[in-house]
PDB file of N, CA and C in Angstrom:
ATOM      1  N   MET A   1     -24.270 -67.204  20.213  1.00  0.00           N
ATOM      2  CA  MET A   1     -23.272 -67.095  21.291  1.00  0.00           C
ATOM      3  C   MET A   1     -22.758 -65.591  20.799  1.00  0.00           C
ATOM      4  N   THR A   2     -23.875 -64.741  20.748  1.00  0.00           N
ATOM      5  CA  THR A   2     -23.399 -63.429  20.561  1.00  0.00           C
ATOM      6  C   THR A   2     -23.267 -62.626  21.810  1.00  0.00           C
ATOM      7  N   ASP A   3     -22.305 -61.670  22.082  1.00  0.00           N
ATOM      8  CA  ASP A   3     -22.374 -61.338  23.441  1.00  0.00           C
ATOM      9  C   ASP A   3     -22.220 -59.457  22.971  1.00  0.00           C
ATOM     10  N   PRO A   4     -23.686 -58.881  23.480  1.00  0.00           N
ATOM     11  CA  PRO A   4     -23.678 -57.439  22.923  1.00  0.00           C
ATOM     12  C   PRO A   4     -22.783 -56.279  23.364  1.00  0.00           C
ATOM     13  N   TRP A   5     -21.504 -57.097  24.873  1.00  0.00           N
ATOM     14  CA  TRP A   5     -20.817 -56.094  24.925  1.00  0.00           C
ATOM     15  C   TRP A   5     -19.566 -56.808  24.406  1.00  0.00           C
ATOM     16  N   ALA A   6     -19.387 -57.483  23.560  1.00  0.00           N
ATOM     17  CA  ALA A   6     -18.300 -57.701  22.780  1.00  0.00           C
ATOM     18  C   ALA A   6     -17.930 -56.523  21.986  1.00  0.00           C
ATOM     19  N   PHE A   7     -16.351 -56.501  22.219  1.00  0.00           N
ATOM     20  CA  PHE A   7     -15.558 -55.251  21.164  1.00  0.00           C
ATOM     21  C   PHE A   7     -14.854 -55.815  19.909  1.00  0.00           C
ATOM     22  N   GLY A   8     -15.397 -55.492  18.826  1.00  0.00           N
ATOM     23  CA  GLY A   8     -15.033 -55.883  17.465  1.00  0.00           C
ATOM     24  C   GLY A   8     -13.985 -54.806  16.998  1.00  0.00           C
ATOM     25  N   TRP A   9     -14.077 -55.307  15.658  1.00  0.00           N
ATOM     26  CA  TRP A   9     -13.135 -54.628  14.880  1.00  0.00           C
ATOM     27  C   TRP A   9     -13.928 -53.160  14.152  1.00  0.00           C
ATOM     28  N   THR A  10     -15.271 -53.488  13.894  1.00  0.00           N
ATOM     29  CA  THR A  10     -15.879 -52.394  13.589  1.00  0.00           C
ATOM     30  C   THR A  10     -16.100 -51.498  14.709  1.00  0.00           C
ATOM     31  N   GLN A  11     -16.273 -51.815  15.854  1.00  0.00           N
ATOM     32  CA  GLN A  11     -16.141 -50.686  16.904  1.00  0.00           C
ATOM     33  C   GLN A  11     -14.989 -49.794  16.955  1.00  0.00           C
ATOM     34  N   LEU A  12     -13.782 -50.489  17.103  1.00  0.00           N
ATOM     35  CA  LEU A  12     -12.573 -50.134  16.777  1.00  0.00           C
ATOM     36  C   LEU A  12     -12.239 -48.631  15.718  1.00  0.00           C
ATOM     37  N   PHE A  13     -12.694 -49.547  14.620  1.00  0.00           N
ATOM     38  CA  PHE A  13     -12.250 -48.784  13.068  1.00  0.00           C
ATOM     39  C   PHE A  13     -13.596 -47.626  13.231  1.00  0.00           C
ATOM     40  N   THR A  14     -14.793 -47.691  14.115  1.00  0.00           N
ATOM     41  CA  THR A  14     -15.317 -46.490  14.306  1.00  0.00           C
ATOM     42  C   THR A  14     -14.989 -45.326  15.360  1.00  0.00           C
ATOM     43  N   LEU A  15     -14.365 -46.081  16.400  1.00  0.00           N
ATOM     44  CA  LEU A  15     -14.062 -45.104  17.447  1.00  0.00           C
ATOM     45  C   LEU A  15     -12.643 -44.183  16.248  1.00  0.00           C
ATOM     46  N   VAL A  16     -11.849 -44.994  15.970  1.00  0.00           N
ATOM     47  CA  VAL A  16     -10.581 -44.070  15.179  1.00  0.00           C
ATOM     48  C   VAL A  16     -11.304 -43.222  14.458  1.00  0.00           C
ATOM     49  N   GLY A  17     -12.293 -43.583  13.515  1.00  0.00           N
ATOM     50  CA  GLY A  17     -12.647 -42.864  12.726  1.00  0.00           C
ATOM     51  C   GLY A  17     -12.914 -41.491  13.158  1.00  0.00           C
ATOM     52  N   PHE A  18     -13.513 -41.554  14.472  1.00  0.00           N
ATOM     53  CA  PHE A  18     -14.343 -40.560  15.193  1.00  0.00           C
ATOM     54  C   PHE A  18     -12.944 -39.619  15.774  1.00  0.00           C
ATOM     55  N   ALA A  19     -12.170 -40.180  16.481  1.00  0.00           N
ATOM     56  CA  ALA A  19     -10.892 -39.460  16.496  1.00  0.00           C
ATOM     57  C   ALA A  19      -9.941 -38.692  15.528  1.00  0.00           C
ATOM     58  N   ILE A  20      -9.826 -39.452  14.210  1.00  0.00           N
ATOM     59  CA  ILE A  20      -9.267 -38.429  13.005  1.00  0.00           C
ATOM     60  C   ILE A  20     -10.025 -37.544  12.582  1.00  0.00           C
ATOM     61  N   THR A  21     -11.331 -38.023  12.500  1.00  0.00           N
ATOM     62  CA  THR A  21     -12.454 -36.545  12.226  1.00  0.00           C
ATOM     63  C   THR A  21     -12.665 -35.455  12.961  1.00  0.00           C
ATOM     64  N   ILE A  22     -12.268 -35.557  14.323  1.00  0.00           N
ATOM     65  CA  ILE A  22     -11.951 -34.528  15.038  1.00  0.00           C
ATOM     66  C   ILE A  22     -10.976 -33.823  15.132  1.00  0.00           C
ATOM     67  N   ALA A  23      -9.779 -34.705  15.270  1.00  0.00           N
ATOM     68  CA  ALA A  23      -8.587 -34.070  14.723  1.00  0.00           C
ATOM     69  C   ALA A  23      -8.788 -32.929  13.653  1.00  0.00           C
ATOM     70  N   ILE A  24      -8.873 -33.939  12.582  1.00  0.00           N
ATOM     71  CA  ILE A  24      -9.047 -32.700  11.729  1.00  0.00           C
ATOM     72  C   ILE A  24      -9.645 -31.514  11.643  1.00  0.00           C
ATOM     73  N   ALA A  25     -10.964 -31.500  12.129  1.00  0.00           N
ATOM     74  CA  ALA A  25     -11.659 -30.326  12.502  1.00  0.00           C
ATOM     75  C   ALA A  25     -11.154 -29.321  13.421  1.00  0.00           C
ATOM     76  N   LEU A  26     -10.134 -29.802  14.217  1.00  0.00           N
ATOM     77  CA  LEU A  26      -9.715 -28.837  15.478  1.00  0.00           C
ATOM     78  C   LEU A  26      -7.857 -28.243  14.479  1.00  0.00           C
ATOM     79  N   PHE A  27      -7.667 -29.359  13.727  1.00  0.00           N
ATOM     80  CA  PHE A  27      -6.786 -28.368  13.010  1.00  0.00           C
ATOM     81  C   PHE A  27      -6.993 -27.751  12.014  1.00  0.00           C
ATOM     82  N   SER A  28      -8.168 -28.112  11.591  1.00  0.00           N
ATOM     83  CA  SER A  28      -8.684 -26.869  10.457  1.00  0.00           C
ATOM     84  C   SER A  28      -9.236 -26.026  10.972  1.00  0.00           C
ATOM     85  N   PHE A  29      -9.557 -25.620  12.045  1.00  0.00           N
ATOM     86  CA  PHE A  29      -9.999 -24.937  12.566  1.00  0.00           C
ATOM     87  C   PHE A  29      -8.628 -23.574  13.128  1.00  0.00           C
ATOM     88  N   ARG A  30      -7.547 -24.484  13.587  1.00  0.00           N
ATOM     89  CA  ARG A  30      -6.091 -23.658  13.706  1.00  0.00           C
ATOM     90  C   ARG A  30      -5.821 -22.842  12.451  1.00  0.00           C
ATOM     91  N   THR A  31      -6.054 -23.638  11.475  1.00  0.00           N
ATOM     92  CA  THR A  31      -5.450 -23.316  10.134  1.00  0.00           C
ATOM     93  C   THR A  31      -6.161 -22.133   9.582  1.00  0.00           C
ATOM     94  N   PHE A  32      -7.398 -22.100   9.797  1.00  0.00           N
ATOM     95  CA  PHE A  32      -8.315 -20.994   9.441  1.00  0.00           C
ATOM     96  C   PHE A  32      -8.089 -19.708  10.028  1.00  0.00           C
ATOM     97  N   GLY A  33      -7.622 -19.913  11.183  1.00  0.00           N
ATOM     98  CA  GLY A  33      -7.126 -18.589  11.843  1.00  0.00           C
ATOM     99  C   GLY A  33      -5.804 -18.159  11.580  1.00  0.00           C
ATOM    100  N   ARG A  34      -4.861 -19.111  11.159  1.00  0.00           N
ATOM    101  CA  ARG A  34      -4.103 -18.639  10.381  1.00  0.00           C
ATOM    102  C   ARG A  34      -3.882 -18.061   9.347  1.00  0.00           C
ATOM    103  N   TRP A  35      -4.659 -18.843   8.449  1.00  0.00           N
ATOM    104  CA  TRP A  35      -5.094 -18.183   7.220  1.00  0.00           C
ATOM    105  C   TRP A  35      -5.829 -17.092   7.313  1.00  0.00           C
ATOM    106  N   ARG A  36      -6.835 -16.197   8.055  1.00  0.00           N
ATOM    107  CA  ARG A  36      -7.038 -15.168   8.306  1.00  0.00           C
ATOM    108  C   ARG A  36      -6.345 -14.542   8.533  1.00  0.00           C
ATOM    109  N   ARG A  37      -5.414 -14.170   9.410  1.00  0.00           N
ATOM    110  CA  ARG A  37      -4.153 -13.787   9.646  1.00  0.00           C
ATOM    111  C   ARG A  37      -2.969 -13.076   8.822  1.00  0.00           C
ATOM    112  N   GLU A  38      -3.361 -14.483   7.893  1.00  0.00           N
ATOM    113  CA  GLU A  38      -2.210 -14.042   6.927  1.00  0.00           C
ATOM    114  C   GLU A  38      -2.644 -13.297   5.777  1.00  0.00           C
ATOM    115  N   LYS A  39      -3.957 -13.206   5.760  1.00  0.00           N
ATOM    116  CA  LYS A  39      -4.769 -12.605   4.655  1.00  0.00           C
ATOM    117  C   LYS A  39      -4.484 -10.985   5.251  1.00  0.00           C
ATOM    118  N   LEU A  40      -4.905 -10.853   6.359  1.00  0.00           N
ATOM    119  CA  LEU A  40      -5.092  -9.367   7.044  1.00  0.00           C
ATOM    120  C   LEU A  40      -3.843  -8.783   6.987  1.00  0.00           C
ATOM    121  N   GLU A  41      -2.361  -9.973   7.423  1.00  0.00           N
ATOM    122  CA  GLU A  41      -1.237  -9.337   7.218  1.00  0.00           C
ATOM    123  C   GLU A  41      -0.651  -9.056   5.274  1.00  0.00           C
ATOM    124  N   GLU A  42      -1.138  -9.766   4.612  1.00  0.00           N
ATOM    125  CA  GLU A  42      -1.189  -9.247   3.399  1.00  0.00           C
ATOM    126  C   GLU A  42      -1.968  -8.408   2.710  1.00  0.00           C
ATOM    127  N   LYS A  43      -3.012  -8.086   3.444  1.00  0.00           N
ATOM    128  CA  LYS A  43      -3.595  -6.566   2.934  1.00  0.00           C
ATOM    129  C   LYS A  43      -2.857  -5.468   3.692  1.00  0.00           C
ATOM    130  N   ARG A  44      -2.364  -5.420   4.665  1.00  0.00           N
ATOM    131  CA  ARG A  44      -1.281  -4.355   5.633  1.00  0.00           C
ATOM    132  C   ARG A  44      -0.597  -4.353   4.807  1.00  0.00           C
ATOM    133  N   ILE A  45       0.526  -5.100   4.598  1.00  0.00           N
ATOM    134  CA  ILE A  45       1.272  -4.909   3.370  1.00  0.00           C
ATOM    135  C   ILE A  45       1.152  -4.012   2.212  1.00  0.00           C
ATOM    136  N   GLU A  46       0.230  -4.481   1.409  1.00  0.00           N
ATOM    137  CA  GLU A  46      -0.225  -4.158   0.423  1.00  0.00           C
ATOM    138  C   GLU A  46      -0.567  -2.828   0.359  1.00  0.00           C
ATOM    139  N   ILE A  47      -1.005  -2.486   1.722  1.00  0.00           N
ATOM    140  CA  ILE A  47      -1.683  -1.079   1.605  1.00  0.00           C
ATOM    141  C   ILE A  47       0.230  -0.102   2.258  1.00  0.00           C
ATOM    142  N   GLY A  48       0.732  -0.980   2.928  1.00  0.00           N
ATOM    143  CA  GLY A  48       1.840  -0.313   3.279  1.00  0.00           C
ATOM    144  C   GLY A  48       3.120   0.251   2.039  1.00  0.00           C
ATOM    145  N   LEU A  49       2.694  -1.039   0.896  1.00  0.00           N
ATOM    146  CA  LEU A  49       3.843  -0.817  -0.207  1.00  0.00           C
ATOM    147  C   LEU A  49       2.850   0.650  -1.317  1.00  0.00           C
ATOM    148  N   ASP A  50       1.134   0.734  -0.992  1.00  0.00           N
ATOM    149  CA  ASP A  50       0.634   1.586  -1.783  1.00  0.00           C
ATOM    150  C   ASP A  50       1.285   3.034  -1.361  1.00  0.00           C
ATOM    151  N   ALA A  51       1.077   3.009   0.024  1.00  0.00           N
ATOM    152  CA  ALA A  51       1.627   4.229   0.474  1.00  0.00           C
ATOM    153  C   ALA A  51       2.885   4.660   0.405  1.00  0.00           C
ATOM    154  N   LEU A  52       3.929   3.871   0.273  1.00  0.00           N
ATOM    155  CA  LEU A  52       5.138   4.309   0.003  1.00  0.00           C
ATOM    156  C   LEU A  52       5.453   4.380  -1.175  1.00  0.00           C
ATOM    157  N   ALA A  53       4.709   3.845  -2.278  1.00  0.00           N
ATOM    158  CA  ALA A  53       4.708   4.304  -3.641  1.00  0.00           C
ATOM    159  C   ALA A  53       4.251   5.828  -3.937  1.00  0.00           C
ATOM    160  N   LEU A  54       3.113   5.992  -3.051  1.00  0.00           N
ATOM    161  CA  LEU A  54       2.183   7.464  -3.103  1.00  0.00           C
ATOM    162  C   LEU A  54       3.262   8.506  -2.581  1.00  0.00           C
ATOM    163  N   ALA A  55       4.333   8.121  -1.695  1.00  0.00           N
ATOM    164  CA  ALA A  55       5.049   9.095  -0.955  1.00  0.00           C
ATOM    165  C   ALA A  55       6.278   9.091  -2.126  1.00  0.00           C
ATOM    166  N   TYR A  56       6.630   8.145  -2.472  1.00  0.00           N
ATOM    167  CA  TYR A  56       7.801   8.504  -3.957  1.00  0.00           C
ATOM    168  C   TYR A  56       7.304   9.035  -5.180  1.00  0.00           C
ATOM    169  N   GLU A  57       5.920   9.175  -5.055  1.00  0.00           N
ATOM    170  CA  GLU A  57       5.698   9.814  -6.294  1.00  0.00           C
ATOM    171  C   GLU A  57       5.148  11.415  -5.872  1.00  0.00           C
ATOM    172  N   ALA A  58       4.951  11.586  -4.861  1.00  0.00           N
ATOM    173  CA  ALA A  58       4.999  13.183  -3.944  1.00  0.00           C
ATOM    174  C   ALA A  58       6.101  13.494  -4.153  1.00  0.00           C
ATOM    175  N   LYS A  59       6.927  12.897  -3.475  1.00  0.00           N
ATOM    176  CA  LYS A  59       8.605  13.329  -3.806  1.00  0.00           C
ATOM    177  C   LYS A  59       9.165  13.760  -4.857  1.00  0.00           C
ATOM    178  N   THR A  60       8.523  12.861  -5.514  1.00  0.00           N
ATOM    179  CA  THR A  60       9.078  13.530  -7.252  1.00  0.00           C
ATOM    180  C   THR A  60       8.530  14.500  -7.961  1.00  0.00           C
ATOM    181  N   VAL A  61       7.294  14.446  -7.745  1.00  0.00           N
ATOM    182  CA  VAL A  61       6.537  15.890  -7.979  1.00  0.00           C
ATOM    183  C   VAL A  61       7.135  16.811  -7.438  1.00  0.00           C
ATOM    184  N   PHE A  62       7.018  17.043  -5.955  1.00  0.00           N
ATOM    185  CA  PHE A  62       7.663  17.879  -5.226  1.00  0.00           C
ATOM    186  C   PHE A  62       9.054  18.739  -5.545  1.00  0.00           C
ATOM    187  N   ASP A  63       9.716  17.365  -5.824  1.00  0.00           N
ATOM    188  CA  ASP A  63      10.951  18.047  -5.897  1.00  0.00           C
ATOM    189  C   ASP A  63      11.233  18.691  -7.617  1.00  0.00           C
ATOM    190  N   GLY A  64      10.295  18.428  -8.716  1.00  0.00           N
ATOM    191  CA  GLY A  64      10.217  18.714  -9.870  1.00  0.00           C
ATOM    192  C   GLY A  64       9.622  20.444  -9.621  1.00  0.00           C
ATOM    193  N   ILE A  65       8.957  20.413  -8.462  1.00  0.00           N
ATOM    194  CA  ILE A  65       8.308  21.950  -8.323  1.00  0.00           C
ATOM    195  C   ILE A  65       9.143  23.059  -7.692  1.00  0.00           C
ATOM    196  N   ARG A  66      10.123  22.369  -6.716  1.00  0.00           N
ATOM    197  CA  ARG A  66      10.984  23.204  -5.937  1.00  0.00           C
ATOM    198  C   ARG A  66      12.375  23.256  -6.717  1.00  0.00           C
ATOM    199  N   SER A  67      12.326  22.748  -7.721  1.00  0.00           N
ATOM    200  CA  SER A  67      13.435  22.985  -8.255  1.00  0.00           C
ATOM    201  C   SER A  67      13.694  24.755  -9.007  1.00  0.00           C
ATOM    202  N   PRO A  68      14.796  24.747  -8.254  1.00  0.00           N
ATOM    203  CA  PRO A  68      15.216  26.166  -8.762  1.00  0.00           C
ATOM    204  C   PRO A  68      15.854  26.818 -10.140  1.00  0.00           C
ATOM    205  N   ALA A  69      15.707  25.585 -10.799  1.00  0.00           N
ATOM    206  CA  ALA A  69      16.201  26.053 -12.033  1.00  0.00           C
ATOM    207  C   ALA A  69      14.802  26.216 -12.923  1.00  0.00           C
ATOM    208  N   THR A  70      14.882  27.156 -13.670  1.00  0.00           N
ATOM    209  CA  THR A  70      13.996  27.683 -14.348  1.00  0.00           C
ATOM    210  C   THR A  70      14.371  27.529 -15.805  1.00  0.00           C
ATOM    211  N   PHE A  71      13.195  27.985 -16.577  1.00  0.00           N
ATOM    212  CA  PHE A  71      13.507  27.599 -18.326  1.00  0.00           C
ATOM    213  C   PHE A  71      12.331  29.009 -18.781  1.00  0.00           C
ATOM    214  N   HIS A  72      13.269  29.327 -19.719  1.00  0.00           N
ATOM    215  CA  HIS A  72      12.611  30.714 -20.258  1.00  0.00           C
ATOM    216  C   HIS A  72      10.989  31.086 -20.494  1.00  0.00           C
ATOM    217  N   TYR A  73      10.457  29.773 -21.141  1.00  0.00           N
ATOM    218  CA  TYR A  73       9.446  29.583 -21.387  1.00  0.00           C
ATOM    219  C   TYR A  73       8.304  29.702 -20.026  1.00  0.00           C
ATOM    220  N   GLU A  74       8.950  29.048 -18.836  1.00  0.00           N
ATOM    221  CA  GLU A  74       8.067  29.359 -17.708  1.00  0.00           C
ATOM    222  C   GLU A  74       7.872  30.641 -17.211  1.00  0.00           C
ATOM    223  N   CYS A  75       8.578  31.817 -17.531  1.00  0.00           N
ATOM    224  CA  CYS A  75       8.558  32.926 -17.212  1.00  0.00           C
ATOM    225  C   CYS A  75       8.198  34.532 -18.519  1.00  0.00           C
ATOM    226  N   GLU A  76       7.711  33.443 -19.255  1.00  0.00           N
ATOM    227  CA  GLU A  76       7.253  34.289 -20.470  1.00  0.00           C
ATOM    228  C   GLU A  76       5.838  35.181 -20.249  1.00  0.00           C
ATOM    229  N   ASP A  77       4.951  34.649 -19.618  1.00  0.00           N
ATOM    230  CA  ASP A  77       3.583  35.222 -19.330  1.00  0.00           C
ATOM    231  C   ASP A  77       4.011  36.211 -18.334  1.00  0.00           C
ATOM    232  N   MET A  78       4.531  36.113 -17.086  1.00  0.00           N
ATOM    233  CA  MET A  78       4.919  36.812 -16.305  1.00  0.00           C
ATOM    234  C   MET A  78       4.845  38.523 -16.463  1.00  0.00           C
ATOM    235  N   PRO A  79       3.731  39.021 -15.659  1.00  0.00           N
ATOM    236  CA  PRO A  79       3.310  40.448 -16.087  1.00  0.00           C
ATOM    237  C   PRO A  79       4.773  41.567 -15.820  1.00  0.00           C
ATOM    238  N   GLU A  80       4.885  42.347 -16.565  1.00  0.00           N
ATOM    239  CA  GLU A  80       5.812  43.616 -16.426  1.00  0.00           C
ATOM    240  C   GLU A  80       5.846  44.365 -15.691  1.00  0.00           C
ATOM    241  N   GLU A  81       6.610  45.082 -14.932  1.00  0.00           N
ATOM    242  CA  GLU A  81       6.204  46.157 -13.998  1.00  0.00           C
ATOM    243  C   GLU A  81       6.503  47.251 -14.403  1.00  0.00           C
ATOM    244  N   PRO A  82       6.365  48.246 -14.372  1.00  0.00           N
ATOM    245  CA  PRO A  82       6.966  49.354 -15.370  1.00  0.00           C
ATOM    246  C   PRO A  82       8.381  50.073 -14.627  1.00  0.00           C
ATOM    247  N   GLY A  83       9.303  50.013 -15.416  1.00  0.00           N
ATOM    248  CA  GLY A  83      10.373  50.506 -14.901  1.00  0.00           C
ATOM    249  C   GLY A  83      11.329  49.257 -14.077  1.00  0.00           C
ATOM    250  N   GLU A  84      11.034  48.491 -14.345  1.00  0.00           N
ATOM    251  CA  GLU A  84      11.730  47.060 -13.848  1.00  0.00           C
ATOM    252  C   GLU A  84      13.069  46.565 -14.690  1.00  0.00           C
ATOM    253  N   PRO A  85      13.990  47.033 -13.630  1.00  0.00           N
ATOM    254  CA  PRO A  85      15.633  46.209 -14.533  1.00  0.00           C
ATOM    255  C   PRO A  85      15.594  45.170 -14.800  1.00  0.00           C
ATOM    256  N   ASP A  86      15.979  44.637 -15.552  1.00  0.00           N
ATOM    257  CA  ASP A  86      16.031  42.816 -16.336  1.00  0.00           C
ATOM    258  C   ASP A  86      16.679  41.806 -15.333  1.00  0.00           C
ATOM    259  N   GLU A  87      17.623  42.346 -14.330  1.00  0.00           N
ATOM    260  CA  GLU A  87      18.253  41.646 -13.397  1.00  0.00           C
ATOM    261  C   GLU A  87      17.306  41.333 -12.477  1.00  0.00           C
ATOM    262  N   ARG A  88      16.073  42.398 -11.717  1.00  0.00           N
ATOM    263  CA  ARG A  88      15.538  42.158 -10.982  1.00  0.00           C
ATOM    264  C   ARG A  88      13.869  41.375 -11.253  1.00  0.00           C
ATOM    265  N   ARG A  89      13.664  41.175 -12.886  1.00  0.00           N
ATOM    266  CA  ARG A  89      12.558  40.881 -13.223  1.00  0.00           C
ATOM    267  C   ARG A  89      13.367  38.912 -13.165  1.00  0.00           C
ATOM    268  N   ARG A  90      14.357  38.960 -13.681  1.00  0.00           N
ATOM    269  CA  ARG A  90      14.995  37.277 -13.636  1.00  0.00           C
ATOM    270  C   ARG A  90      14.875  37.048 -12.639  1.00  0.00           C
ATOM    271  N   ARG A  91      15.438  37.749 -11.586  1.00  0.00           N
ATOM    272  CA  ARG A  91      15.404  37.030 -10.108  1.00  0.00           C
ATOM    273  C   ARG A  91      13.547  36.808  -9.576  1.00  0.00           C
ATOM    274  N   ARG A  92      12.693  37.675  -9.853  1.00  0.00           N
ATOM    275  CA  ARG A  92      11.733  37.210  -9.787  1.00  0.00           C
ATOM    276  C   ARG A  92      10.836  36.272 -10.777  1.00  0.00           C
ATOM    277  N   GLY A  93      11.450  35.980 -11.657  1.00  0.00           N
ATOM    278  CA  GLY A  93      10.712  35.170 -12.731  1.00  0.00           C
ATOM    279  C   GLY A  93      11.169  33.590 -11.610  1.00  0.00           C
ATOM    280  N   THR A  94      12.190  33.241 -11.302  1.00  0.00           N
ATOM    281  CA  THR A  94      11.876  31.927 -10.537  1.00  0.00           C
ATOM    282  C   THR A  94      11.169  31.875  -9.285  1.00  0.00           C
ATOM    283  N   PHE A  95      10.484  32.693  -8.624  1.00  0.00           N
ATOM    284  CA  PHE A  95       9.511  32.628  -7.770  1.00  0.00           C
ATOM    285  C   PHE A  95       8.242  32.435  -8.556  1.00  0.00           C
ATOM    286  N   TYR A  96       8.131  33.400  -9.573  1.00  0.00           N
ATOM    287  CA  TYR A  96       6.931  32.731 -10.275  1.00  0.00           C
ATOM    288  C   TYR A  96       6.762  31.705 -11.313  1.00  0.00           C
ATOM    289  N   ALA A  97       7.898  31.168 -11.520  1.00  0.00           N
ATOM    290  CA  ALA A  97       7.935  29.866 -12.063  1.00  0.00           C
ATOM    291  C   ALA A  97       7.706  28.853 -11.305  1.00  0.00           C
ATOM    292  N   ILE A  98       8.020  28.979  -9.899  1.00  0.00           N
ATOM    293  CA  ILE A  98       7.622  27.969  -8.596  1.00  0.00           C
ATOM    294  C   ILE A  98       6.057  28.107  -8.335  1.00  0.00           C
ATOM    295  N   LEU A  99       5.829  29.355  -8.317  1.00  0.00           N
ATOM    296  CA  LEU A  99       4.001  29.313  -8.426  1.00  0.00           C
ATOM    297  C   LEU A  99       3.119  29.120  -9.221  1.00  0.00           C
ATOM    298  N   LYS A 100       3.929  28.977 -10.614  1.00  0.00           N
ATOM    299  CA  LYS A 100       3.209  28.602 -11.833  1.00  0.00           C
ATOM    300  C   LYS A 100       3.288  27.008 -11.687  1.00  0.00           C
ATOM    301  N   ARG A 101       4.430  26.336 -11.220  1.00  0.00           N
ATOM    302  CA  ARG A 101       4.728  24.905 -11.024  1.00  0.00           C
ATOM    303  C   ARG A 101       3.517  24.690 -10.150  1.00  0.00           C
ATOM    304  N   VAL A 102       3.480  24.884  -9.230  1.00  0.00           N
ATOM    305  CA  VAL A 102       2.322  24.732  -7.886  1.00  0.00           C
ATOM    306  C   VAL A 102       1.093  25.099  -8.628  1.00  0.00           C
ATOM    307  N   GLY A 103       0.246  25.771  -9.230  1.00  0.00           N
ATOM    308  CA  GLY A 103      -1.022  25.498  -9.985  1.00  0.00           C
ATOM    309  C   GLY A 103      -1.018  24.778 -11.004  1.00  0.00           C
ATOM    310  N   ARG A 104       0.105  24.636 -11.713  1.00  0.00           N
ATOM    311  CA  ARG A 104      -0.168  23.485 -12.724  1.00  0.00           C
ATOM    312  C   ARG A 104      -0.116  21.819 -12.175  1.00  0.00           C
ATOM    313  N   GLU A 105       0.723  21.381 -11.139  1.00  0.00           N
ATOM    314  CA  GLU A 105       0.923  20.528 -10.441  1.00  0.00           C
ATOM    315  C   GLU A 105      -0.392  20.188  -9.752  1.00  0.00           C
TER     316      GLU A 105
END
Protein backbone atom coordinates (compact mmCIF):
# COMPACT_ATOMS: atom_id res chain seq x y z
CA MET A 1 0.00 0.00 0.00
CA THR A 2 2.46 2.59 -1.01
CA ASP A 3 0.88 5.81 -2.10
CA PRO A 4 2.98 7.64 -4.71
CA TRP A 5 1.59 10.97 -3.51
CA ALA A 6 2.45 10.40 0.11
CA PHE A 7 4.67 13.09 1.57
CA GLY A 8 7.38 11.76 3.85
CA TRP A 9 10.35 13.02 5.83
CA THR A 10 12.78 12.44 2.97
CA GLN A 11 10.92 14.84 0.70
CA LEU A 12 10.62 17.38 3.50
CA PHE A 13 14.36 17.28 4.20
CA THR A 14 15.06 17.59 0.48
CA LEU A 15 12.90 20.71 0.19
CA VAL A 16 14.44 22.22 3.33
CA GLY A 17 17.90 21.51 1.92
CA PHE A 18 16.99 23.24 -1.35
CA ALA A 19 15.66 26.24 0.55
CA ILE A 20 18.81 26.48 2.64
CA THR A 21 20.99 26.17 -0.46
CA ILE A 22 19.09 28.93 -2.25
CA ALA A 23 19.27 31.18 0.84
CA ILE A 24 23.03 30.65 1.12
CA ALA A 25 23.52 31.37 -2.57
CA LEU A 26 21.50 34.60 -2.42
CA PHE A 27 23.22 35.73 0.76
CA SER A 28 26.67 34.99 -0.65
CA PHE A 29 25.95 37.02 -3.79
CA ARG A 30 25.04 39.98 -1.62
CA THR A 31 28.18 39.58 0.46
CA PHE A 32 30.30 39.28 -2.67
CA GLY A 33 29.01 42.67 -3.82
CA ARG A 34 29.70 44.09 -0.39
CA TRP A 35 33.21 42.58 -0.41
CA ARG A 36 33.90 44.06 -3.85
CA ARG A 37 32.77 47.51 -2.67
CA GLU A 38 34.98 47.22 0.41
CA LYS A 39 37.99 46.35 -1.74
CA LEU A 40 37.34 49.34 -4.00
CA GLU A 41 37.07 51.61 -0.97
CA GLU A 42 40.30 50.16 0.45
CA LYS A 43 42.08 50.99 -2.81
CA ARG A 44 40.64 54.52 -2.78
CA ILE A 45 41.80 55.04 0.79
CA GLU A 46 45.26 53.67 -0.05
CA ILE A 47 45.56 55.99 -3.05
CA GLY A 48 44.39 58.91 -0.91
CA LEU A 49 47.00 58.16 1.75
CA ASP A 50 49.73 57.87 -0.89
CA ALA A 51 48.68 61.23 -2.35
CA LEU A 52 48.67 62.80 1.11
CA ALA A 53 52.15 61.44 1.86
CA LEU A 54 53.38 62.77 -1.46
CA ALA A 55 51.88 66.19 -0.73
CA TYR A 56 53.57 66.36 2.67
CA GLU A 57 56.88 65.30 1.18
CA ALA A 58 56.58 67.94 -1.55
CA LYS A 59 55.71 70.56 1.07
CA THR A 60 58.85 69.69 3.02
CA VAL A 61 61.01 69.88 -0.10
CA PHE A 62 59.56 73.22 -1.19
CA ASP A 63 59.92 74.63 2.32
CA GLY A 64 63.60 73.73 2.15
CA ILE A 65 63.98 75.28 -1.29
CA ARG A 66 62.17 78.50 -0.41
CA SER A 67 63.94 78.99 2.90
CA PRO A 68 65.44 82.50 2.96
CA ALA A 69 68.35 81.36 5.11
CA THR A 70 71.49 80.69 3.10
CA PHE A 71 74.78 79.17 4.03
CA HIS A 72 78.12 80.53 2.86
CA TYR A 73 78.89 77.41 0.83
CA GLU A 74 75.75 77.86 -1.30
CA CYS A 75 77.03 81.13 -2.77
CA GLU A 76 80.71 80.25 -3.17
CA ASP A 77 80.45 79.43 -6.87
CA MET A 78 78.31 82.49 -7.70
CA PRO A 79 80.01 84.51 -10.44
CA GLU A 80 81.32 87.92 -9.40
CA GLU A 81 80.40 91.08 -11.23
CA PRO A 82 83.21 93.59 -11.62
CA GLY A 83 82.97 96.49 -9.18
CA GLU A 84 80.14 94.92 -7.21
CA PRO A 85 79.98 95.93 -3.52
CA ASP A 86 79.89 93.18 -0.87
CA GLU A 87 76.41 94.17 0.37
CA ARG A 88 74.90 93.78 -3.10
CA ARG A 89 76.67 90.46 -3.61
CA ARG A 90 75.31 89.19 -0.29
CA ARG A 91 71.72 90.18 -1.25
CA ARG A 92 72.12 88.58 -4.65
CA GLY A 93 73.49 85.45 -2.97
CA THR A 94 70.15 84.58 -1.37
CA PHE A 95 68.44 84.50 -4.77
CA TYR A 96 71.32 82.55 -6.27
CA ALA A 97 71.12 79.97 -3.46
CA ILE A 98 67.37 79.48 -4.03
CA LEU A 99 67.86 78.99 -7.79
CA LYS A 100 70.68 76.57 -7.07
CA ARG A 101 68.42 74.59 -4.67
CA VAL A 102 65.70 74.37 -7.33
CA GLY A 103 68.21 72.95 -9.80
CA ARG A 104 69.51 70.50 -7.20
CA GLU A 105 66.09 69.23 -6.03
